[in-house]
């Protein structure tokens, strides 16, 4: 039997029905004494964490929108900056907070969007 490379093996799997794949998994368990699904489950959280992207993000204000005064107040509350510095961020955009957890960043984004601003998470 010829040795299959990874791409050829995956192509062969794509042509199989679910029942045939189950029979293949059962045969692998019997032949090698290893449950391939257990390996996939063990690798799952690591793969999922990589696909989610970074856990820390930057909250970047791109546009203040029509209610700039409310946006300036939010920037001041979050950063502790003075009025002039907060106004500069509202006028020109820029990082509001860096290295924030994704959940907190989503809350901050919602807060800015409620005030009419446009925010990106990078």
C-alpha atoms as a PDB file:
ATOM      1  CA  UNK A   1       0.000   0.000   0.000  1.00  0.00           C
ATOM      2  CA  UNK A   2       1.309   3.446  -0.910  1.00  0.00           C
ATOM      3  CA  UNK A   3       1.951   5.923   1.869  1.00  0.00           C
ATOM      4  CA  UNK A   4      -0.517   8.840   1.885  1.00  0.00           C
ATOM      5  CA  UNK A   5       0.540  12.349   2.779  1.00  0.00           C
ATOM      6  CA  UNK A   6      -1.693  14.577   4.871  1.00  0.00           C
ATOM      7  CA  UNK A   7      -3.398  16.282   1.918  1.00  0.00           C
ATOM      8  CA  UNK A   8      -4.168  12.986   0.203  1.00  0.00           C
ATOM      9  CA  UNK A   9      -5.572  11.579   3.451  1.00  0.00           C
ATOM     10  CA  UNK A  10      -7.827  14.602   3.933  1.00  0.00           C
ATOM     11  CA  UNK A  11      -9.005  14.369   0.322  1.00  0.00           C
ATOM     12  CA  UNK A  12      -9.858  10.716   0.893  1.00  0.00           C
ATOM     13  CA  UNK A  13     -11.800  11.621   4.061  1.00  0.00           C
ATOM     14  CA  UNK A  14     -13.822  14.219   2.151  1.00  0.00           C
ATOM     15  CA  UNK A  15     -15.039  11.491  -0.177  1.00  0.00           C
ATOM     16  CA  UNK A  16     -16.193   9.249   2.711  1.00  0.00           C
ATOM     17  CA  UNK A  17     -19.606   9.184   4.320  1.00  0.00           C
ATOM     18  CA  UNK A  18     -19.989   9.749   8.050  1.00  0.00           C
ATOM     19  CA  UNK A  19     -20.563   6.038   8.558  1.00  0.00           C
ATOM     20  CA  UNK A  20     -17.335   5.196   6.709  1.00  0.00           C
ATOM     21  CA  UNK A  21     -15.398   7.719   8.809  1.00  0.00           C
ATOM     22  CA  UNK A  22     -16.824   6.222  12.012  1.00  0.00           C
ATOM     23  CA  UNK A  23     -15.752   2.760  10.859  1.00  0.00           C
ATOM     24  CA  UNK A  24     -12.278   4.173  10.119  1.00  0.00           C
ATOM     25  CA  UNK A  25     -12.042   5.663  13.621  1.00  0.00           C
ATOM     26  CA  UNK A  26     -13.149   2.369  15.161  1.00  0.00           C
ATOM     27  CA  UNK A  27     -10.551   0.497  13.109  1.00  0.00           C
ATOM     28  CA  UNK A  28      -7.844   2.945  14.272  1.00  0.00           C
ATOM     29  CA  UNK A  29      -8.856   2.339  17.888  1.00  0.00           C
ATOM     30  CA  UNK A  30      -8.608  -1.397  17.366  1.00  0.00           C
ATOM     31  CA  UNK A  31      -5.357  -1.357  15.378  1.00  0.00           C
ATOM     32  CA  UNK A  32      -3.369   1.189  17.367  1.00  0.00           C
ATOM     33  CA  UNK A  33      -5.120   1.220  20.727  1.00  0.00           C
ATOM     34  CA  UNK A  34      -5.583   4.984  20.468  1.00  0.00           C
ATOM     35  CA  UNK A  35      -8.829   6.900  20.335  1.00  0.00           C
ATOM     36  CA  UNK A  36      -8.290   9.637  17.703  1.00  0.00           C
ATOM     37  CA  UNK A  37     -11.291  11.561  19.001  1.00  0.00           C
ATOM     38  CA  UNK A  38      -9.648  11.801  22.448  1.00  0.00           C
ATOM     39  CA  UNK A  39      -6.576  13.335  20.824  1.00  0.00           C
ATOM     40  CA  UNK A  40      -8.782  15.824  18.977  1.00  0.00           C
ATOM     41  CA  UNK A  41     -10.611  16.738  22.196  1.00  0.00           C
ATOM     42  CA  UNK A  42      -7.321  17.202  24.063  1.00  0.00           C
ATOM     43  CA  UNK A  43      -5.999  19.483  21.303  1.00  0.00           C
ATOM     44  CA  UNK A  44      -9.325  21.322  20.986  1.00  0.00           C
ATOM     45  CA  UNK A  45      -8.914  23.964  23.711  1.00  0.00           C
ATOM     46  CA  UNK A  46      -5.406  24.862  22.539  1.00  0.00           C
ATOM     47  CA  UNK A  47      -6.574  25.192  18.953  1.00  0.00           C
ATOM     48  CA  UNK A  48      -9.630  27.186  20.018  1.00  0.00           C
ATOM     49  CA  UNK A  49      -7.467  29.593  22.022  1.00  0.00           C
ATOM     50  CA  UNK A  50      -5.251  30.197  19.004  1.00  0.00           C
ATOM     51  CA  UNK A  51      -8.238  30.825  16.734  1.00  0.00           C
ATOM     52  CA  UNK A  52      -9.824  33.315  19.113  1.00  0.00           C
ATOM     53  CA  UNK A  53      -6.906  35.670  18.708  1.00  0.00           C
ATOM     54  CA  UNK A  54      -5.229  37.696  21.406  1.00  0.00           C
ATOM     55  CA  UNK A  55      -6.814  37.870  24.837  1.00  0.00           C
ATOM     56  CA  UNK A  56      -5.683  41.472  25.306  1.00  0.00           C
ATOM     57  CA  UNK A  57      -6.703  44.198  22.869  1.00  0.00           C
ATOM     58  CA  UNK A  58      -6.406  47.938  22.435  1.00  0.00           C
ATOM     59  CA  UNK A  59      -9.513  50.134  22.380  1.00  0.00           C
ATOM     60  CA  UNK A  60      -8.995  52.652  19.577  1.00  0.00           C
ATOM     61  CA  UNK A  61     -11.353  55.579  19.005  1.00  0.00           C
ATOM     62  CA  UNK A  62     -11.684  56.205  15.271  1.00  0.00           C
ATOM     63  CA  UNK A  63     -14.425  58.871  15.236  1.00  0.00           C
ATOM     64  CA  UNK A  64     -16.218  60.756  17.997  1.00  0.00           C
ATOM     65  CA  UNK A  65     -19.478  61.103  16.083  1.00  0.00           C
ATOM     66  CA  UNK A  66     -22.076  63.807  16.616  1.00  0.00           C
ATOM     67  CA  UNK A  67     -22.012  63.745  20.446  1.00  0.00           C
ATOM     68  CA  UNK A  68     -18.365  64.670  20.991  1.00  0.00           C
ATOM     69  CA  UNK A  69     -18.880  66.050  24.500  1.00  0.00           C
ATOM     70  CA  UNK A  70     -20.190  62.699  25.778  1.00  0.00           C
ATOM     71  CA  UNK A  71     -17.243  60.932  24.129  1.00  0.00           C
ATOM     72  CA  UNK A  72     -14.772  63.343  25.749  1.00  0.00           C
ATOM     73  CA  UNK A  73     -16.351  62.596  29.148  1.00  0.00           C
ATOM     74  CA  UNK A  74     -15.997  58.851  28.584  1.00  0.00           C
ATOM     75  CA  UNK A  75     -12.355  59.243  27.527  1.00  0.00           C
ATOM     76  CA  UNK A  76     -11.628  61.334  30.618  1.00  0.00           C
ATOM     77  CA  UNK A  77     -13.342  58.818  32.922  1.00  0.00           C
ATOM     78  CA  UNK A  78     -11.465  55.862  31.447  1.00  0.00           C
ATOM     79  CA  UNK A  79      -8.026  57.400  31.132  1.00  0.00           C
ATOM     80  CA  UNK A  80      -7.812  60.090  33.783  1.00  0.00           C
ATOM     81  CA  UNK A  81      -6.578  62.518  31.122  1.00  0.00           C
ATOM     82  CA  UNK A  82      -7.202  66.235  31.279  1.00  0.00           C
ATOM     83  CA  UNK A  83      -9.823  67.975  29.179  1.00  0.00           C
ATOM     84  CA  UNK A  84      -7.407  69.050  26.437  1.00  0.00           C
ATOM     85  CA  UNK A  85      -5.848  65.595  26.031  1.00  0.00           C
ATOM     86  CA  UNK A  86      -9.265  63.884  26.010  1.00  0.00           C
ATOM     87  CA  UNK A  87     -10.513  66.399  23.430  1.00  0.00           C
ATOM     88  CA  UNK A  88      -7.463  65.693  21.244  1.00  0.00           C
ATOM     89  CA  UNK A  89      -8.265  61.956  21.280  1.00  0.00           C
ATOM     90  CA  UNK A  90     -11.922  62.690  20.479  1.00  0.00           C
ATOM     91  CA  UNK A  91     -10.934  65.012  17.607  1.00  0.00           C
ATOM     92  CA  UNK A  92      -8.104  62.960  16.104  1.00  0.00           C
ATOM     93  CA  UNK A  93      -8.823  59.434  17.323  1.00  0.00           C
ATOM     94  CA  UNK A  94      -6.284  57.171  18.979  1.00  0.00           C
ATOM     95  CA  UNK A  95      -5.775  54.592  21.680  1.00  0.00           C
ATOM     96  CA  UNK A  96      -8.100  55.041  24.616  1.00  0.00           C
ATOM     97  CA  UNK A  97      -6.952  51.956  26.538  1.00  0.00           C
ATOM     98  CA  UNK A  98      -4.239  49.404  25.783  1.00  0.00           C
ATOM     99  CA  UNK A  99      -3.917  45.775  26.863  1.00  0.00           C
ATOM    100  CA  UNK A 100      -7.535  45.372  27.948  1.00  0.00           C
ATOM    101  CA  UNK A 101      -9.280  41.993  28.299  1.00  0.00           C
ATOM    102  CA  UNK A 102     -11.633  41.254  25.409  1.00  0.00           C
ATOM    103  CA  UNK A 103     -14.731  41.244  27.623  1.00  0.00           C
ATOM    104  CA  UNK A 104     -13.894  44.637  29.120  1.00  0.00           C
ATOM    105  CA  UNK A 105     -12.990  45.995  25.678  1.00  0.00           C
ATOM    106  CA  UNK A 106     -16.404  44.945  24.336  1.00  0.00           C
ATOM    107  CA  UNK A 107     -18.079  46.786  27.226  1.00  0.00           C
ATOM    108  CA  UNK A 108     -16.029  49.911  26.536  1.00  0.00           C
ATOM    109  CA  UNK A 109     -16.832  49.685  22.830  1.00  0.00           C
ATOM    110  CA  UNK A 110     -20.543  49.458  23.637  1.00  0.00           C
ATOM    111  CA  UNK A 111     -20.237  52.467  25.934  1.00  0.00           C
ATOM    112  CA  UNK A 112     -18.593  54.544  23.195  1.00  0.00           C
ATOM    113  CA  UNK A 113     -21.046  53.378  20.534  1.00  0.00           C
ATOM    114  CA  UNK A 114     -23.942  54.314  22.801  1.00  0.00           C
ATOM    115  CA  UNK A 115     -22.505  57.853  22.813  1.00  0.00           C
ATOM    116  CA  UNK A 116     -22.320  57.780  18.991  1.00  0.00           C
ATOM    117  CA  UNK A 117     -18.580  57.142  18.604  1.00  0.00           C
ATOM    118  CA  UNK A 118     -16.864  54.634  16.331  1.00  0.00           C
ATOM    119  CA  UNK A 119     -14.392  52.318  18.091  1.00  0.00           C
ATOM    120  CA  UNK A 120     -12.115  49.518  16.893  1.00  0.00           C
ATOM    121  CA  UNK A 121     -10.599  46.718  18.943  1.00  0.00           C
ATOM    122  CA  UNK A 122      -7.080  45.908  17.782  1.00  0.00           C
END
